[in-house]
Amino acid sequence: MPHDLSRDLASALGGRPFVTRFAPAPTGHLHLGHLVSAIYVWGLARAVGGKVLLRIEDHDRGRSRPEFERAILEDLEWLGLLPDAPPPSDFSGPSDYRQSDCQRIYEAALALLAREHHVYGCRCTRKDIAEAAPAGEGEESSYPGTCRNAGIPPGPGIGTRLAWPSGLAPELFKDALLGEQSQEPADQCGDLLLRDRMGNWTYQFAAAVDDLRMAVTVVIRGTDLLPSTGRQIRLARLLGREDPPVFVHHPLIRRSDGRKLSKASRDTGLRDLRSAGRSAGELLGEAAFLAGLLEERRSLGVAELGMMFGER
């Protein structure tokens, strides 16, 4: 599978350069689930001679912490997972690769959308939406458009939404691992939240803007983010992107009860495993084994990542 995947990606790019990103949120320490994503990101990039960008996704200013960012940078260096851009020193001050330093970029993107499409203020809370549009367990509530025509001006406690243009066909895309996909964002999530009531840019908006401005051509992430894909493709197209990235949604590793690993429960945290004396190679090997990329537990060197995916 890994060898076929690298060839499929090279073919899907159609001559475009392979540019991907590793984009952790500094809301906690890295765990083995993050390491699985890193193995796919660096492994596939090295297999096809591509480029890895490091992006700090701290759009959630309420949960992001500088100490977590420092820990992420330190852990990646310890693991030997070094990005092609930017240099680590770039994060010692304001950086175009840190979302909290890119407010003007997001404001400009929002203004572009507002000139061409219906962008409006929204005062609805999550509770309001859940009550107005109940969803089943594990399902997403679709915003019903409560504030779409209310004329609410921007201000404290007011979010910002985009009403999708009418008459659009569903978003069709091929995931390199999961095959053909069809998604209709208007049905999935309703009018898209771009900035929340606390003034934070949302993941959907910031990620789409960043992938466009950084010319990311391959997005590699876990299957939990698959539902985000159609709305990010559509949003990027409204912002002027002609060719969407190629997507790879890899399987997640899970707890014994079936739930995915999380920062909140400190599952298999790299910091704890490092403190217990585990080496970088052992942790790379453990993550690769749990992800089904190795048949047995063994130490795995960074230089082997590309070879796992058919490095030429």
C-alpha atoms as a PDB file:
ATOM      1  CA  MET A   1       0.000   0.000   0.000  1.00  0.00           C
ATOM      2  CA  PRO A   2       2.576   2.690   0.926  1.00  0.00           C
ATOM      3  CA  HIS A   3       4.553   2.190  -2.320  1.00  0.00           C
ATOM      4  CA  ASP A   4       1.395   2.429  -4.456  1.00  0.00           C
ATOM      5  CA  LEU A   5       0.343   5.511  -2.508  1.00  0.00           C
ATOM      6  CA  SER A   6       3.477   7.485  -3.387  1.00  0.00           C
ATOM      7  CA  ARG A   7       3.079   6.618  -7.064  1.00  0.00           C
ATOM      8  CA  ASP A   8      -0.608   7.529  -6.991  1.00  0.00           C
ATOM      9  CA  LEU A   9       0.177  10.892  -5.426  1.00  0.00           C
ATOM     10  CA  ALA A  10       2.865  11.701  -7.965  1.00  0.00           C
ATOM     11  CA  SER A  11       0.388  10.869 -10.732  1.00  0.00           C
ATOM     12  CA  ALA A  12      -2.461  12.865  -9.160  1.00  0.00           C
ATOM     13  CA  LEU A  13      -0.298  15.969  -8.906  1.00  0.00           C
ATOM     14  CA  GLY A  14       0.061  16.000 -12.677  1.00  0.00           C
ATOM     15  CA  GLY A  15       3.422  17.728 -12.650  1.00  0.00           C
ATOM     16  CA  ARG A  16       2.695  20.121  -9.775  1.00  0.00           C
ATOM     17  CA  PRO A  17       5.385  20.220  -7.081  1.00  0.00           C
ATOM     18  CA  PHE A  18       4.751  18.112  -3.969  1.00  0.00           C
ATOM     19  CA  VAL A  19       4.313  20.596  -1.112  1.00  0.00           C
ATOM     20  CA  THR A  20       2.702  19.364   2.097  1.00  0.00           C
ATOM     21  CA  ARG A  21       2.535  20.563   5.682  1.00  0.00           C
ATOM     22  CA  PHE A  22       2.623  19.354   9.262  1.00  0.00           C
ATOM     23  CA  ALA A  23       0.286  21.661  11.153  1.00  0.00           C
ATOM     24  CA  PRO A  24      -0.036  20.973  14.897  1.00  0.00           C
ATOM     25  CA  ALA A  25      -2.169  23.090  17.219  1.00  0.00           C
ATOM     26  CA  PRO A  26      -0.294  24.214  20.370  1.00  0.00           C
ATOM     27  CA  THR A  27      -3.159  23.290  22.670  1.00  0.00           C
ATOM     28  CA  GLY A  28      -1.306  20.393  24.305  1.00  0.00           C
ATOM     29  CA  HIS A  29       1.665  18.079  23.893  1.00  0.00           C
ATOM     30  CA  LEU A  30       2.165  15.801  20.915  1.00  0.00           C
ATOM     31  CA  HIS A  31       1.125  12.141  21.243  1.00  0.00           C
ATOM     32  CA  LEU A  32       1.591   9.027  19.117  1.00  0.00           C
ATOM     33  CA  GLY A  33      -1.396   9.958  16.960  1.00  0.00           C
ATOM     34  CA  HIS A  34       0.417  13.110  15.862  1.00  0.00           C
ATOM     35  CA  LEU A  35       3.474  10.997  15.173  1.00  0.00           C
ATOM     36  CA  VAL A  36       1.479   8.792  12.781  1.00  0.00           C
ATOM     37  CA  SER A  37       0.542  11.893  10.780  1.00  0.00           C
ATOM     38  CA  ALA A  38       4.164  13.040  10.840  1.00  0.00           C
ATOM     39  CA  ILE A  39       5.304   9.658   9.480  1.00  0.00           C
ATOM     40  CA  TYR A  40       2.873   9.961   6.565  1.00  0.00           C
ATOM     41  CA  VAL A  41       3.823  13.613   5.955  1.00  0.00           C
ATOM     42  CA  TRP A  42       7.602  13.213   6.016  1.00  0.00           C
ATOM     43  CA  GLY A  43       7.563   9.709   4.551  1.00  0.00           C
ATOM     44  CA  LEU A  44       5.495  10.583   1.488  1.00  0.00           C
ATOM     45  CA  ALA A  45       7.321  13.863   0.923  1.00  0.00           C
ATOM     46  CA  ARG A  46      10.706  12.147   1.040  1.00  0.00           C
ATOM     47  CA  ALA A  47       9.482   9.299  -1.183  1.00  0.00           C
ATOM     48  CA  VAL A  48       8.689  11.676  -4.033  1.00  0.00           C
ATOM     49  CA  GLY A  49      11.243  14.415  -3.379  1.00  0.00           C
ATOM     50  CA  GLY A  50       8.631  16.782  -1.948  1.00  0.00           C
ATOM     51  CA  LYS A  51       8.731  19.620   0.546  1.00  0.00           C
ATOM     52  CA  VAL A  52       7.392  19.729   4.136  1.00  0.00           C
ATOM     53  CA  LEU A  53       6.231  22.998   5.693  1.00  0.00           C
ATOM     54  CA  LEU A  54       5.709  23.398   9.440  1.00  0.00           C
ATOM     55  CA  ARG A  55       2.686  25.505  10.390  1.00  0.00           C
ATOM     56  CA  ILE A  56       1.608  26.358  13.929  1.00  0.00           C
ATOM     57  CA  GLU A  57      -2.195  26.409  13.948  1.00  0.00           C
ATOM     58  CA  ASP A  58      -2.905  28.569  16.981  1.00  0.00           C
ATOM     59  CA  HIS A  59      -6.124  30.113  15.663  1.00  0.00           C
ATOM     60  CA  ASP A  60      -7.825  29.140  18.941  1.00  0.00           C
ATOM     61  CA  ARG A  61      -6.299  31.821  21.148  1.00  0.00           C
ATOM     62  CA  GLY A  62      -8.216  30.630  24.193  1.00  0.00           C
ATOM     63  CA  ARG A  63      -6.547  27.201  24.257  1.00  0.00           C
ATOM     64  CA  SER A  64      -3.181  27.787  22.564  1.00  0.00           C
ATOM     65  CA  ARG A  65      -0.152  28.244  24.796  1.00  0.00           C
ATOM     66  CA  PRO A  66       3.422  29.378  24.003  1.00  0.00           C
ATOM     67  CA  GLU A  67       4.817  26.578  26.163  1.00  0.00           C
ATOM     68  CA  PHE A  68       3.048  23.978  24.019  1.00  0.00           C
ATOM     69  CA  GLU A  69       4.468  25.551  20.861  1.00  0.00           C
ATOM     70  CA  ARG A  70       7.976  25.398  22.329  1.00  0.00           C
ATOM     71  CA  ALA A  71       7.418  21.760  23.299  1.00  0.00           C
ATOM     72  CA  ILE A  72       6.217  20.867  19.782  1.00  0.00           C
ATOM     73  CA  LEU A  73       9.291  22.443  18.180  1.00  0.00           C
ATOM     74  CA  GLU A  74      11.574  20.701  20.661  1.00  0.00           C
ATOM     75  CA  ASP A  75       9.914  17.303  20.202  1.00  0.00           C
ATOM     76  CA  LEU A  76      10.129  17.505  16.404  1.00  0.00           C
ATOM     77  CA  GLU A  77      13.809  18.397  16.582  1.00  0.00           C
ATOM     78  CA  TRP A  78      14.433  15.528  19.017  1.00  0.00           C
ATOM     79  CA  LEU A  79      12.650  13.134  16.674  1.00  0.00           C
ATOM     80  CA  GLY A  80      14.714  14.371  13.732  1.00  0.00           C
ATOM     81  CA  LEU A  81      11.610  15.554  11.859  1.00  0.00           C
ATOM     82  CA  LEU A  82      12.913  18.817  10.448  1.00  0.00           C
ATOM     83  CA  PRO A  83      10.768  20.857   8.031  1.00  0.00           C
ATOM     84  CA  ASP A  84      12.063  22.203   4.760  1.00  0.00           C
ATOM     85  CA  ALA A  85      10.536  25.566   5.703  1.00  0.00           C
ATOM     86  CA  PRO A  86      10.632  27.609   7.760  1.00  0.00           C
ATOM     87  CA  PRO A  87      13.897  27.291   9.697  1.00  0.00           C
ATOM     88  CA  PRO A  88      13.191  26.644  13.402  1.00  0.00           C
ATOM     89  CA  SER A  89      14.593  30.088  14.271  1.00  0.00           C
ATOM     90  CA  ASP A  90      11.675  31.622  12.351  1.00  0.00           C
ATOM     91  CA  PHE A  91       9.390  30.931  15.311  1.00  0.00           C
ATOM     92  CA  SER A  92      11.533  32.981  17.714  1.00  0.00           C
ATOM     93  CA  GLY A  93       9.549  36.052  16.600  1.00  0.00           C
ATOM     94  CA  PRO A  94       6.524  36.860  14.424  1.00  0.00           C
ATOM     95  CA  SER A  95       6.189  34.304  11.636  1.00  0.00           C
ATOM     96  CA  ASP A  96       4.100  33.836   8.505  1.00  0.00           C
ATOM     97  CA  TYR A  97       3.896  30.171   9.543  1.00  0.00           C
ATOM     98  CA  ARG A  98       2.139  30.944  12.867  1.00  0.00           C
ATOM     99  CA  GLN A  99      -1.554  31.683  12.462  1.00  0.00           C
ATOM    100  CA  SER A 100      -1.793  34.209  15.291  1.00  0.00           C
ATOM    101  CA  ASP A 101       0.739  36.378  13.428  1.00  0.00           C
ATOM    102  CA  CYS A 102      -1.322  36.420  10.230  1.00  0.00           C
ATOM    103  CA  GLN A 103      -4.346  38.502  11.183  1.00  0.00           C
ATOM    104  CA  ARG A 104      -3.983  40.878   8.226  1.00  0.00           C
ATOM    105  CA  ILE A 105      -3.900  37.929   5.817  1.00  0.00           C
ATOM    106  CA  TYR A 106      -7.149  36.530   7.199  1.00  0.00           C
ATOM    107  CA  GLU A 107      -8.793  39.962   7.262  1.00  0.00           C
ATOM    108  CA  ALA A 108      -7.898  40.421   3.588  1.00  0.00           C
ATOM    109  CA  ALA A 109      -9.320  36.989   2.713  1.00  0.00           C
ATOM    110  CA  LEU A 110     -12.512  37.788   4.624  1.00  0.00           C
ATOM    111  CA  ALA A 111     -12.840  41.123   2.781  1.00  0.00           C
ATOM    112  CA  LEU A 112     -12.417  39.305  -0.540  1.00  0.00           C
ATOM    113  CA  LEU A 113     -15.222  36.902   0.312  1.00  0.00           C
ATOM    114  CA  ALA A 114     -17.456  39.716   1.536  1.00  0.00           C
ATOM    115  CA  ARG A 115     -17.077  41.617  -1.738  1.00  0.00           C
ATOM    116  CA  GLU A 116     -18.349  38.698  -3.801  1.00  0.00           C
ATOM    117  CA  HIS A 117     -20.561  36.671  -1.450  1.00  0.00           C
ATOM    118  CA  HIS A 118     -22.974  36.967   1.476  1.00  0.00           C
ATOM    119  CA  VAL A 119     -20.899  37.225   4.656  1.00  0.00           C
ATOM    120  CA  TYR A 120     -22.883  38.148   7.755  1.00  0.00           C
ATOM    121  CA  GLY A 121     -22.828  38.533  11.516  1.00  0.00           C
ATOM    122  CA  CYS A 122     -24.148  35.716  13.690  1.00  0.00           C
ATOM    123  CA  ARG A 123     -24.915  35.747  17.411  1.00  0.00           C
ATOM    124  CA  CYS A 124     -25.918  32.055  17.696  1.00  0.00           C
ATOM    125  CA  THR A 125     -24.197  29.907  20.323  1.00  0.00           C
ATOM    126  CA  ARG A 126     -23.464  26.203  19.918  1.00  0.00           C
ATOM    127  CA  LYS A 127     -26.422  25.510  22.207  1.00  0.00           C
ATOM    128  CA  ASP A 128     -28.685  27.637  19.998  1.00  0.00           C
ATOM    129  CA  ILE A 129     -27.604  25.691  16.915  1.00  0.00           C
ATOM    130  CA  ALA A 130     -27.936  22.295  18.609  1.00  0.00           C
ATOM    131  CA  GLU A 131     -31.479  23.160  19.697  1.00  0.00           C
ATOM    132  CA  ALA A 132     -32.466  24.559  16.292  1.00  0.00           C
ATOM    133  CA  ALA A 133     -30.851  21.750  14.288  1.00  0.00           C
ATOM    134  CA  PRO A 134     -30.570  18.595  16.437  1.00  0.00           C
ATOM    135  CA  ALA A 135     -28.029  16.047  15.234  1.00  0.00           C
ATOM    136  CA  GLY A 136     -27.535  12.397  16.048  1.00  0.00           C
ATOM    137  CA  GLU A 137     -24.721  11.184  18.269  1.00  0.00           C
ATOM    138  CA  GLY A 138     -21.383  11.811  16.580  1.00  0.00           C
ATOM    139  CA  GLU A 139     -23.035  13.855  13.822  1.00  0.00           C
ATOM    140  CA  GLU A 140     -22.522  17.513  12.990  1.00  0.00           C
ATOM    141  CA  SER A 141     -25.269  20.107  13.410  1.00  0.00           C
ATOM    142  CA  SER A 142     -25.994  21.993  10.187  1.00  0.00           C
ATOM    143  CA  TYR A 143     -26.437  25.710  10.838  1.00  0.00           C
ATOM    144  CA  PRO A 144     -30.025  26.562   9.785  1.00  0.00           C
ATOM    145  CA  GLY A 145     -29.356  30.165   8.730  1.00  0.00           C
ATOM    146  CA  THR A 146     -30.982  31.817  11.745  1.00  0.00           C
ATOM    147  CA  CYS A 147     -29.043  35.088  11.407  1.00  0.00           C
ATOM    148  CA  ARG A 148     -28.529  35.036   7.624  1.00  0.00           C
ATOM    149  CA  ASN A 149     -30.842  37.948   6.900  1.00  0.00           C
ATOM    150  CA  ALA A 150     -30.879  39.605  10.329  1.00  0.00           C
ATOM    151  CA  GLY A 151     -28.428  42.388   9.396  1.00  0.00           C
ATOM    152  CA  ILE A 152     -26.363  41.959  12.569  1.00  0.00           C
ATOM    153  CA  PRO A 153     -23.347  44.314  12.537  1.00  0.00           C
ATOM    154  CA  PRO A 154     -19.904  43.027  13.593  1.00  0.00           C
ATOM    155  CA  GLY A 155     -18.935  43.523  17.204  1.00  0.00           C
ATOM    156  CA  PRO A 156     -18.061  41.770  20.477  1.00  0.00           C
ATOM    157  CA  GLY A 157     -19.817  38.426  20.842  1.00  0.00           C
ATOM    158  CA  ILE A 158     -20.741  38.315  17.144  1.00  0.00           C
ATOM    159  CA  GLY A 159     -19.426  35.572  14.851  1.00  0.00           C
ATOM    160  CA  THR A 160     -18.976  35.770  11.083  1.00  0.00           C
ATOM    161  CA  ARG A 161     -20.516  33.327   8.615  1.00  0.00           C
ATOM    162  CA  LEU A 162     -20.465  32.724   4.886  1.00  0.00           C
ATOM    163  CA  ALA A 163     -23.683  31.767   3.090  1.00  0.00           C
ATOM    164  CA  TRP A 164     -22.702  29.337   0.356  1.00  0.00           C
ATOM    165  CA  PRO A 165     -23.651  30.492  -3.154  1.00  0.00           C
ATOM    166  CA  SER A 166     -26.735  28.698  -4.433  1.00  0.00           C
ATOM    167  CA  GLY A 167     -26.824  26.307  -7.346  1.00  0.00           C
ATOM    168  CA  LEU A 168     -23.438  24.680  -6.790  1.00  0.00           C
ATOM    169  CA  ALA A 169     -22.863  21.004  -7.514  1.00  0.00           C
ATOM    170  CA  PRO A 170     -21.588  18.751  -4.691  1.00  0.00           C
ATOM    171  CA  GLU A 171     -17.831  18.738  -4.197  1.00  0.00           C
ATOM    172  CA  LEU A 172     -16.332  15.652  -5.828  1.00  0.00           C
ATOM    173  CA  PHE A 173     -12.759  14.665  -5.025  1.00  0.00           C
ATOM    174  CA  LYS A 174     -10.629  11.555  -4.888  1.00  0.00           C
ATOM    175  CA  ASP A 175      -8.847  10.743  -1.656  1.00  0.00           C
ATOM    176  CA  ALA A 176      -5.593   8.920  -2.332  1.00  0.00           C
ATOM    177  CA  LEU A 177      -6.440   6.264   0.290  1.00  0.00           C
ATOM    178  CA  LEU A 178     -10.243   6.300   0.472  1.00  0.00           C
ATOM    179  CA  GLY A 179     -11.143   6.760  -3.186  1.00  0.00           C
ATOM    180  CA  GLU A 180     -13.908   8.868  -4.721  1.00  0.00           C
ATOM    181  CA  GLN A 181     -15.777  11.186  -2.336  1.00  0.00           C
ATOM    182  CA  SER A 182     -18.813  13.433  -2.669  1.00  0.00           C
ATOM    183  CA  GLN A 183     -19.665  16.111  -0.095  1.00  0.00           C
ATOM    184  CA  GLU A 184     -22.193  18.940   0.011  1.00  0.00           C
ATOM    185  CA  PRO A 185     -21.015  21.544   2.557  1.00  0.00           C
ATOM    186  CA  ALA A 186     -24.374  23.312   2.667  1.00  0.00           C
ATOM    187  CA  ASP A 187     -25.946  20.074   3.926  1.00  0.00           C
ATOM    188  CA  GLN A 188     -23.054  19.074   6.176  1.00  0.00           C
ATOM    189  CA  CYS A 189     -22.519  22.275   8.128  1.00  0.00           C
ATOM    190  CA  GLY A 190     -24.839  24.929   6.710  1.00  0.00           C
ATOM    191  CA  ASP A 191     -23.469  28.468   6.393  1.00  0.00           C
ATOM    192  CA  LEU A 192     -19.777  28.248   7.230  1.00  0.00           C
ATOM    193  CA  LEU A 193     -18.451  29.883  10.403  1.00  0.00           C
ATOM    194  CA  LEU A 194     -15.350  31.913   9.517  1.00  0.00           C
ATOM    195  CA  ARG A 195     -14.738  33.650  12.836  1.00  0.00           C
ATOM    196  CA  ASP A 196     -16.300  32.644  16.121  1.00  0.00           C
ATOM    197  CA  ARG A 197     -18.036  34.770  18.731  1.00  0.00           C
ATOM    198  CA  MET A 198     -14.768  35.161  20.660  1.00  0.00           C
ATOM    199  CA  GLY A 199     -13.038  36.661  17.635  1.00  0.00           C
ATOM    200  CA  ASN A 200     -11.033  33.530  16.754  1.00  0.00           C
ATOM    201  CA  TRP A 201     -10.639  32.501  13.121  1.00  0.00           C
ATOM    202  CA  THR A 202     -12.015  29.005  12.653  1.00  0.00           C
ATOM    203  CA  TYR A 203      -9.974  25.981  11.628  1.00  0.00           C
ATOM    204  CA  GLN A 204     -11.905  25.616   8.365  1.00  0.00           C
ATOM    205  CA  PHE A 205     -11.226  29.194   7.287  1.00  0.00           C
ATOM    206  CA  ALA A 206      -7.626  29.535   8.462  1.00  0.00           C
ATOM    207  CA  ALA A 207      -6.553  26.161   7.041  1.00  0.00           C
ATOM    208  CA  ALA A 208      -8.090  26.881   3.627  1.00  0.00           C
ATOM    209  CA  VAL A 209      -6.492  30.336   3.464  1.00  0.00           C
ATOM    210  CA  ASP A 210      -3.106  29.016   4.592  1.00  0.00           C
ATOM    211  CA  ASP A 211      -3.039  26.086   2.175  1.00  0.00           C
ATOM    212  CA  LEU A 212      -3.813  28.528  -0.632  1.00  0.00           C
ATOM    213  CA  ARG A 213      -1.236  31.185   0.286  1.00  0.00           C
ATOM    214  CA  MET A 214       1.470  28.610   1.027  1.00  0.00           C
ATOM    215  CA  ALA A 215       0.798  26.778  -2.265  1.00  0.00           C
ATOM    216  CA  VAL A 216       0.226  23.469  -0.456  1.00  0.00           C
ATOM    217  CA  THR A 217      -0.542  20.810  -3.068  1.00  0.00           C
ATOM    218  CA  VAL A 218      -0.889  17.726  -0.830  1.00  0.00           C
ATOM    219  CA  VAL A 219      -2.887  17.679   2.421  1.00  0.00           C
ATOM    220  CA  ILE A 220      -2.124  14.675   4.645  1.00  0.00           C
ATOM    221  CA  ARG A 221      -4.196  14.239   7.806  1.00  0.00           C
ATOM    222  CA  GLY A 222      -6.338  11.776   9.774  1.00  0.00           C
ATOM    223  CA  THR A 223      -9.724  10.444   8.719  1.00  0.00           C
ATOM    224  CA  ASP A 224     -11.395  12.489  11.473  1.00  0.00           C
ATOM    225  CA  LEU A 225     -10.890  15.551   9.249  1.00  0.00           C
ATOM    226  CA  LEU A 226     -12.343  13.999   6.097  1.00  0.00           C
ATOM    227  CA  PRO A 227     -15.675  15.867   6.535  1.00  0.00           C
ATOM    228  CA  SER A 228     -13.753  19.166   6.355  1.00  0.00           C
ATOM    229  CA  THR A 229     -12.477  18.517   2.853  1.00  0.00           C
ATOM    230  CA  GLY A 230     -15.422  19.500   0.669  1.00  0.00           C
ATOM    231  CA  ARG A 231     -15.993  22.795   2.476  1.00  0.00           C
ATOM    232  CA  GLN A 232     -12.281  23.678   2.341  1.00  0.00           C
ATOM    233  CA  ILE A 233     -12.126  22.916  -1.392  1.00  0.00           C
ATOM    234  CA  ARG A 234     -15.205  25.080  -2.018  1.00  0.00           C
ATOM    235  CA  LEU A 235     -13.985  27.903   0.208  1.00  0.00           C
ATOM    236  CA  ALA A 236     -10.575  27.947  -1.486  1.00  0.00           C
ATOM    237  CA  ARG A 237     -12.249  28.118  -4.887  1.00  0.00           C
ATOM    238  CA  LEU A 238     -14.292  31.141  -3.753  1.00  0.00           C
ATOM    239  CA  LEU A 239     -10.972  32.716  -2.725  1.00  0.00           C
ATOM    240  CA  GLY A 240      -9.531  32.135  -6.197  1.00  0.00           C
ATOM    241  CA  ARG A 241      -7.854  28.736  -6.020  1.00  0.00           C
ATOM    242  CA  GLU A 242      -8.169  26.889  -9.327  1.00  0.00           C
ATOM    243  CA  ASP A 243      -6.589  23.509  -8.501  1.00  0.00           C
ATOM    244  CA  PRO A 244      -7.380  22.024  -5.063  1.00  0.00           C
ATOM    245  CA  PRO A 245      -4.751  20.034  -3.199  1.00  0.00           C
ATOM    246  CA  VAL A 246      -4.559  16.253  -3.422  1.00  0.00           C
ATOM    247  CA  PHE A 247      -5.864  14.757  -0.157  1.00  0.00           C
ATOM    248  CA  VAL A 248      -4.666  11.794   1.901  1.00  0.00           C
ATOM    249  CA  HIS A 249      -6.732  10.873   4.971  1.00  0.00           C
ATOM    250  CA  HIS A 250      -4.898   8.157   6.864  1.00  0.00           C
ATOM    251  CA  PRO A 251      -6.352   5.823   9.529  1.00  0.00           C
ATOM    252  CA  LEU A 252      -6.238   6.915  13.168  1.00  0.00           C
ATOM    253  CA  ILE A 253      -4.767   4.899  15.986  1.00  0.00           C
ATOM    254  CA  ARG A 254      -7.250   4.469  18.814  1.00  0.00           C
ATOM    255  CA  ARG A 255      -7.545   3.633  22.479  1.00  0.00           C
ATOM    256  CA  SER A 256      -8.673   0.172  23.534  1.00  0.00           C
ATOM    257  CA  ASP A 257     -12.241   1.506  23.894  1.00  0.00           C
ATOM    258  CA  GLY A 258     -12.261   2.655  20.260  1.00  0.00           C
ATOM    259  CA  ARG A 259     -11.886   6.379  20.891  1.00  0.00           C
ATOM    260  CA  LYS A 260      -9.161   8.304  19.090  1.00  0.00           C
ATOM    261  CA  LEU A 261      -6.132   9.511  21.032  1.00  0.00           C
ATOM    262  CA  SER A 262      -6.487  12.974  22.524  1.00  0.00           C
ATOM    263  CA  LYS A 263      -4.363  15.653  24.130  1.00  0.00           C
ATOM    264  CA  ALA A 264      -6.897  16.109  26.917  1.00  0.00           C
ATOM    265  CA  SER A 265      -6.462  12.568  28.242  1.00  0.00           C
ATOM    266  CA  ARG A 266      -2.669  12.662  27.716  1.00  0.00           C
ATOM    267  CA  ASP A 267      -2.793   9.437  25.688  1.00  0.00           C
ATOM    268  CA  THR A 268       0.647   8.104  24.808  1.00  0.00           C
ATOM    269  CA  GLY A 269       2.161  11.588  25.095  1.00  0.00           C
ATOM    270  CA  LEU A 270       5.646  11.930  23.637  1.00  0.00           C
ATOM    271  CA  ARG A 271       6.800  13.890  26.671  1.00  0.00           C
ATOM    272  CA  ASP A 272       5.844  11.080  29.035  1.00  0.00           C
ATOM    273  CA  LEU A 273       7.355   8.426  26.771  1.00  0.00           C
ATOM    274  CA  ARG A 274      10.581  10.418  26.454  1.00  0.00           C
ATOM    275  CA  SER A 275      10.764  10.783  30.226  1.00  0.00           C
ATOM    276  CA  ALA A 276      10.352   7.002  30.520  1.00  0.00           C
ATOM    277  CA  GLY A 277      13.533   6.553  28.490  1.00  0.00           C
ATOM    278  CA  ARG A 278      12.090   5.719  25.071  1.00  0.00           C
ATOM    279  CA  SER A 279      14.289   6.742  22.140  1.00  0.00           C
ATOM    280  CA  ALA A 280      13.180   8.712  19.093  1.00  0.00           C
ATOM    281  CA  GLY A 281      13.589   5.628  16.896  1.00  0.00           C
ATOM    282  CA  GLU A 282      11.509   3.504  19.270  1.00  0.00           C
ATOM    283  CA  LEU A 283       8.652   6.018  19.216  1.00  0.00           C
ATOM    284  CA  LEU A 284       8.713   6.328  15.421  1.00  0.00           C
ATOM    285  CA  GLY A 285       8.619   2.542  15.203  1.00  0.00           C
ATOM    286  CA  GLU A 286       5.811   2.255  17.753  1.00  0.00           C
ATOM    287  CA  ALA A 287       3.673   4.779  15.882  1.00  0.00           C
ATOM    288  CA  ALA A 288       4.347   3.097  12.519  1.00  0.00           C
ATOM    289  CA  PHE A 289       3.452  -0.306  13.967  1.00  0.00           C
ATOM    290  CA  LEU A 290       0.211   0.936  15.534  1.00  0.00           C
ATOM    291  CA  ALA A 291      -0.692   2.546  12.195  1.00  0.00           C
ATOM    292  CA  GLY A 292      -0.148  -0.732  10.345  1.00  0.00           C
ATOM    293  CA  LEU A 293       2.893   0.549   8.465  1.00  0.00           C
ATOM    294  CA  LEU A 294       5.263  -1.940  10.126  1.00  0.00           C
ATOM    295  CA  GLU A 295       4.585  -5.624  10.679  1.00  0.00           C
ATOM    296  CA  GLU A 296       6.438  -5.700  13.990  1.00  0.00           C
ATOM    297  CA  ARG A 297       7.572  -3.296  16.673  1.00  0.00           C
ATOM    298  CA  ARG A 298      11.113  -2.103  16.031  1.00  0.00           C
ATOM    299  CA  SER A 299      13.169   1.050  16.057  1.00  0.00           C
ATOM    300  CA  LEU A 300      12.628   3.193  12.965  1.00  0.00           C
ATOM    301  CA  GLY A 301      15.076   5.811  11.748  1.00  0.00           C
ATOM    302  CA  VAL A 302      14.040   9.062  10.093  1.00  0.00           C
ATOM    303  CA  ALA A 303      16.076   8.076   7.029  1.00  0.00           C
ATOM    304  CA  GLU A 304      13.784   5.049   6.583  1.00  0.00           C
ATOM    305  CA  LEU A 305      10.551   7.028   6.331  1.00  0.00           C
ATOM    306  CA  GLY A 306      10.854   7.711   2.625  1.00  0.00           C
ATOM    307  CA  MET A 307      11.783   4.115   1.888  1.00  0.00           C
ATOM    308  CA  MET A 308       8.588   2.946   3.613  1.00  0.00           C
ATOM    309  CA  PHE A 309       6.655   4.813   0.927  1.00  0.00           C
ATOM    310  CA  GLY A 310       8.787   3.854  -2.070  1.00  0.00           C
ATOM    311  CA  GLU A 311      11.533   6.465  -2.071  1.00  0.00           C
ATOM    312  CA  ARG A 312      13.254   6.601  -5.427  1.00  0.00           C
END
